[in-house]
Amino acid sequence: MPVFRYDIPSSYPDWLLTVSLPRAIDYIILNTPVNIVLASQFKSHVHRSPNVNLPLEIEQQLSVGMNYMFKRKRNTKLIKNAWLDFEQRL
C-alpha cells in the first residue's frame, strides 16, 4: 500500500472517492503536515474580469492554490467536441 502524500493525488486511497466531500476533505487535511495546513489558511480574493462571478469558497481556494481535483475518467470525445464547437463558431 503506498504511503499517503497530500501533494501526490495518485497516493490517495480509492475509498476517498466513495465518501462524502466533507469527509474526504477532513481525511486529506488530517493527513497533511500542520505547516502546510497553516500556510493554506490565508484566504484572499482573486482578480476577476468584469462580469465574472465566482462563489466565495471557490475564489478563496483558488487564491491559495488549493485546487486539488480528484482524477476523472478520460474523455475520449473531448477533442472531437472541441472541433465541432470550433466549426459551429466559425
N, C-alpha and C. Protein backbone atom coordinates (compact mmCIF):
# COMPACT_ATOMS: atom_id res chain seq x y z
N MET A 1 0.85 -1.18 0.00
CA MET A 1 0.00 0.00 0.00
C MET A 1 0.90 1.25 0.00
N PRO A 2 0.70 2.15 -0.96
CA PRO A 2 1.54 3.35 -1.00
C PRO A 2 1.24 4.28 0.18
N VAL A 3 2.23 5.02 0.57
CA VAL A 3 2.08 5.97 1.67
C VAL A 3 1.31 7.19 1.17
N PHE A 4 0.35 7.66 1.96
CA PHE A 4 -0.45 8.83 1.58
C PHE A 4 0.44 10.06 1.56
N ARG A 5 0.37 10.80 0.47
CA ARG A 5 1.07 12.08 0.34
C ARG A 5 0.05 13.10 -0.15
N TYR A 6 -0.13 14.17 0.61
CA TYR A 6 -1.12 15.19 0.26
C TYR A 6 -0.84 15.81 -1.10
N ASP A 7 0.42 15.86 -1.52
CA ASP A 7 0.81 16.51 -2.76
C ASP A 7 0.87 15.57 -3.95
N ILE A 8 0.53 14.30 -3.74
CA ILE A 8 0.53 13.32 -4.83
C ILE A 8 -0.84 12.64 -4.88
N PRO A 9 -1.74 13.16 -5.72
CA PRO A 9 -3.10 12.60 -5.75
C PRO A 9 -3.15 11.10 -6.04
N SER A 10 -2.17 10.56 -6.74
CA SER A 10 -2.18 9.12 -7.03
C SER A 10 -1.98 8.29 -5.76
N SER A 11 -1.54 8.90 -4.67
CA SER A 11 -1.37 8.16 -3.41
C SER A 11 -2.65 8.19 -2.57
N TYR A 12 -3.67 8.90 -3.01
CA TYR A 12 -4.93 8.96 -2.26
C TYR A 12 -5.60 7.58 -2.33
N PRO A 13 -6.17 7.11 -1.24
CA PRO A 13 -6.86 5.81 -1.28
C PRO A 13 -8.11 5.87 -2.15
N ASP A 14 -8.42 4.77 -2.81
CA ASP A 14 -9.58 4.72 -3.70
C ASP A 14 -10.89 4.99 -2.97
N TRP A 15 -11.00 4.56 -1.71
CA TRP A 15 -12.26 4.74 -0.99
C TRP A 15 -12.59 6.21 -0.79
N LEU A 16 -11.61 7.08 -0.96
CA LEU A 16 -11.85 8.51 -0.78
C LEU A 16 -12.87 9.04 -1.79
N LEU A 17 -13.00 8.37 -2.92
CA LEU A 17 -13.96 8.78 -3.95
C LEU A 17 -15.39 8.36 -3.63
N THR A 18 -15.54 7.49 -2.66
CA THR A 18 -16.87 6.96 -2.37
C THR A 18 -17.49 7.57 -1.11
N VAL A 19 -16.76 8.44 -0.42
CA VAL A 19 -17.31 9.06 0.79
C VAL A 19 -17.75 10.48 0.46
N SER A 20 -18.45 11.09 1.39
CA SER A 20 -18.93 12.46 1.16
C SER A 20 -17.74 13.42 1.05
N LEU A 21 -17.96 14.52 0.34
CA LEU A 21 -16.89 15.50 0.13
C LEU A 21 -16.34 16.04 1.45
N PRO A 22 -17.19 16.42 2.43
CA PRO A 22 -16.63 16.90 3.70
C PRO A 22 -15.73 15.87 4.39
N ARG A 23 -16.12 14.59 4.33
CA ARG A 23 -15.30 13.55 4.96
C ARG A 23 -13.98 13.38 4.21
N ALA A 24 -14.02 13.44 2.89
CA ALA A 24 -12.80 13.32 2.10
C ALA A 24 -11.85 14.49 2.39
N ILE A 25 -12.42 15.69 2.49
CA ILE A 25 -11.61 16.87 2.80
C ILE A 25 -10.98 16.73 4.19
N ASP A 26 -11.77 16.28 5.15
CA ASP A 26 -11.24 16.08 6.51
C ASP A 26 -10.09 15.08 6.51
N TYR A 27 -10.22 13.99 5.77
CA TYR A 27 -9.17 12.98 5.70
C TYR A 27 -7.88 13.57 5.14
N ILE A 28 -8.02 14.33 4.06
CA ILE A 28 -6.83 14.92 3.43
C ILE A 28 -6.17 15.91 4.38
N ILE A 29 -6.97 16.75 5.02
CA ILE A 29 -6.41 17.75 5.94
C ILE A 29 -5.74 17.08 7.14
N LEU A 30 -6.37 16.04 7.68
CA LEU A 30 -5.78 15.35 8.83
C LEU A 30 -4.47 14.65 8.49
N ASN A 31 -4.27 14.32 7.23
CA ASN A 31 -3.06 13.62 6.82
C ASN A 31 -2.06 14.53 6.11
N THR A 32 -2.28 15.82 6.22
CA THR A 32 -1.38 16.82 5.63
C THR A 32 -0.56 17.43 6.76
N PRO A 33 0.74 17.66 6.54
CA PRO A 33 1.55 18.27 7.60
C PRO A 33 0.95 19.59 8.09
N VAL A 34 1.09 19.83 9.39
CA VAL A 34 0.49 21.00 10.03
C VAL A 34 0.97 22.30 9.37
N ASN A 35 2.26 22.39 9.04
CA ASN A 35 2.76 23.64 8.45
C ASN A 35 2.11 23.93 7.10
N ILE A 36 1.76 22.91 6.35
CA ILE A 36 1.09 23.11 5.05
C ILE A 36 -0.34 23.58 5.29
N VAL A 37 -1.02 22.98 6.23
CA VAL A 37 -2.40 23.38 6.54
C VAL A 37 -2.43 24.82 7.03
N LEU A 38 -1.50 25.18 7.92
CA LEU A 38 -1.47 26.55 8.42
C LEU A 38 -1.16 27.54 7.31
N ALA A 39 -0.27 27.19 6.42
CA ALA A 39 0.08 28.09 5.32
C ALA A 39 -1.08 28.29 4.36
N SER A 40 -1.94 27.29 4.24
CA SER A 40 -3.06 27.39 3.30
C SER A 40 -4.28 28.08 3.90
N GLN A 41 -4.20 28.50 5.14
CA GLN A 41 -5.35 29.15 5.76
C GLN A 41 -5.52 30.60 5.32
N PHE A 42 -4.48 31.19 4.74
CA PHE A 42 -4.61 32.56 4.26
C PHE A 42 -5.63 32.57 3.14
N LYS A 43 -6.64 33.40 3.28
CA LYS A 43 -7.68 33.47 2.26
C LYS A 43 -7.75 34.89 1.73
N SER A 44 -7.83 34.99 0.44
CA SER A 44 -7.90 36.30 -0.19
C SER A 44 -8.80 36.18 -1.42
N HIS A 45 -9.00 37.28 -2.08
CA HIS A 45 -9.79 37.27 -3.30
C HIS A 45 -8.86 37.17 -4.50
N VAL A 46 -9.35 36.63 -5.58
CA VAL A 46 -8.56 36.55 -6.81
C VAL A 46 -9.05 37.64 -7.76
N HIS A 47 -8.16 38.05 -8.63
CA HIS A 47 -8.54 39.06 -9.62
C HIS A 47 -9.50 38.43 -10.63
N ARG A 48 -10.59 39.13 -10.93
CA ARG A 48 -11.56 38.64 -11.89
C ARG A 48 -11.81 39.71 -12.93
N SER A 49 -12.14 39.27 -14.11
CA SER A 49 -12.53 40.21 -15.16
C SER A 49 -13.92 40.76 -14.85
N PRO A 50 -14.28 41.88 -15.48
CA PRO A 50 -15.62 42.42 -15.24
C PRO A 50 -16.70 41.40 -15.61
N ASN A 51 -17.76 41.39 -14.86
CA ASN A 51 -18.91 40.50 -15.06
C ASN A 51 -18.60 39.02 -14.86
N VAL A 52 -17.52 38.71 -14.15
CA VAL A 52 -17.19 37.32 -13.81
C VAL A 52 -17.51 37.13 -12.34
N ASN A 53 -18.34 36.15 -12.06
CA ASN A 53 -18.73 35.87 -10.68
C ASN A 53 -18.27 34.48 -10.29
N LEU A 54 -17.70 34.38 -9.10
CA LEU A 54 -17.30 33.09 -8.54
C LEU A 54 -17.86 32.98 -7.14
N PRO A 55 -18.25 31.77 -6.74
CA PRO A 55 -18.63 31.59 -5.34
C PRO A 55 -17.42 31.91 -4.46
N LEU A 56 -17.65 32.52 -3.32
CA LEU A 56 -16.58 32.94 -2.43
C LEU A 56 -15.67 31.77 -2.05
N GLU A 57 -16.26 30.60 -1.81
CA GLU A 57 -15.47 29.43 -1.42
C GLU A 57 -14.46 29.05 -2.51
N ILE A 58 -14.91 29.04 -3.76
CA ILE A 58 -14.00 28.70 -4.87
C ILE A 58 -12.95 29.78 -5.05
N GLU A 59 -13.35 31.01 -4.94
CA GLU A 59 -12.41 32.13 -5.08
C GLU A 59 -11.30 32.03 -4.04
N GLN A 60 -11.65 31.70 -2.81
CA GLN A 60 -10.65 31.58 -1.76
C GLN A 60 -9.73 30.39 -1.99
N GLN A 61 -10.28 29.27 -2.44
CA GLN A 61 -9.45 28.10 -2.71
C GLN A 61 -8.47 28.38 -3.84
N LEU A 62 -8.91 29.10 -4.86
CA LEU A 62 -8.01 29.45 -5.95
C LEU A 62 -6.91 30.39 -5.48
N SER A 63 -7.23 31.26 -4.53
CA SER A 63 -6.26 32.25 -4.08
C SER A 63 -5.08 31.60 -3.35
N VAL A 64 -5.28 30.44 -2.75
CA VAL A 64 -4.19 29.78 -2.04
C VAL A 64 -3.68 28.56 -2.80
N GLY A 65 -4.17 28.36 -4.01
CA GLY A 65 -3.69 27.23 -4.79
C GLY A 65 -4.20 25.89 -4.32
N MET A 66 -5.24 25.88 -3.52
CA MET A 66 -5.78 24.62 -3.02
C MET A 66 -6.82 24.06 -3.99
N ASN A 67 -6.45 23.90 -5.22
CA ASN A 67 -7.39 23.47 -6.24
C ASN A 67 -7.16 22.03 -6.63
N TYR A 68 -7.01 21.14 -5.64
CA TYR A 68 -6.84 19.73 -5.93
C TYR A 68 -8.13 19.16 -6.49
N MET A 69 -8.01 18.32 -7.49
CA MET A 69 -9.18 17.69 -8.08
C MET A 69 -8.95 16.20 -8.12
N PHE A 70 -9.99 15.45 -7.89
CA PHE A 70 -9.87 14.01 -7.98
C PHE A 70 -9.80 13.61 -9.45
N LYS A 71 -9.10 12.54 -9.70
CA LYS A 71 -8.91 12.06 -11.06
C LYS A 71 -10.26 11.70 -11.68
N ARG A 72 -10.44 12.11 -12.91
CA ARG A 72 -11.68 11.81 -13.63
C ARG A 72 -11.38 10.82 -14.75
N LYS A 73 -12.45 10.19 -15.23
CA LYS A 73 -12.29 9.30 -16.37
C LYS A 73 -11.84 10.11 -17.58
N ARG A 74 -11.04 9.50 -18.42
CA ARG A 74 -10.57 10.18 -19.62
C ARG A 74 -11.73 10.41 -20.57
N ASN A 75 -11.86 11.63 -21.06
CA ASN A 75 -12.91 11.98 -22.00
C ASN A 75 -12.34 11.82 -23.41
N THR A 76 -12.65 10.71 -24.05
CA THR A 76 -12.09 10.42 -25.37
C THR A 76 -12.72 11.26 -26.47
N LYS A 77 -13.83 11.92 -26.18
CA LYS A 77 -14.51 12.72 -27.20
C LYS A 77 -14.20 14.21 -27.06
N LEU A 78 -13.30 14.56 -26.16
CA LEU A 78 -13.02 15.96 -25.87
C LEU A 78 -12.52 16.72 -27.10
N ILE A 79 -11.57 16.15 -27.82
CA ILE A 79 -11.01 16.84 -28.99
C ILE A 79 -12.06 16.97 -30.09
N LYS A 80 -12.82 15.91 -30.32
CA LYS A 80 -13.86 15.97 -31.35
C LYS A 80 -14.92 17.02 -31.00
N ASN A 81 -15.33 17.04 -29.72
CA ASN A 81 -16.32 18.04 -29.29
C ASN A 81 -15.78 19.46 -29.44
N ALA A 82 -14.51 19.64 -29.12
CA ALA A 82 -13.89 20.96 -29.26
C ALA A 82 -13.86 21.37 -30.74
N TRP A 83 -13.56 20.42 -31.61
CA TRP A 83 -13.53 20.72 -33.05
C TRP A 83 -14.93 21.09 -33.55
N LEU A 84 -15.93 20.32 -33.15
CA LEU A 84 -17.31 20.63 -33.58
C LEU A 84 -17.74 21.99 -33.07
N ASP A 85 -17.38 22.32 -31.83
CA ASP A 85 -17.69 23.63 -31.27
C ASP A 85 -16.99 24.73 -32.08
N PHE A 86 -15.73 24.49 -32.44
CA PHE A 86 -14.98 25.45 -33.24
C PHE A 86 -15.65 25.66 -34.60
N GLU A 87 -16.07 24.57 -35.25
CA GLU A 87 -16.74 24.67 -36.55
C GLU A 87 -18.03 25.50 -36.45
N GLN A 88 -18.80 25.24 -35.40
CA GLN A 88 -20.05 25.98 -35.24
C GLN A 88 -19.81 27.46 -35.03
N ARG A 89 -18.80 27.79 -34.27
CA ARG A 89 -18.50 29.21 -34.00
C ARG A 89 -17.93 29.90 -35.22
N LEU A 90 -17.19 29.17 -36.06
CA LEU A 90 -16.60 29.74 -37.25
C LEU A 90 -17.68 30.02 -38.28
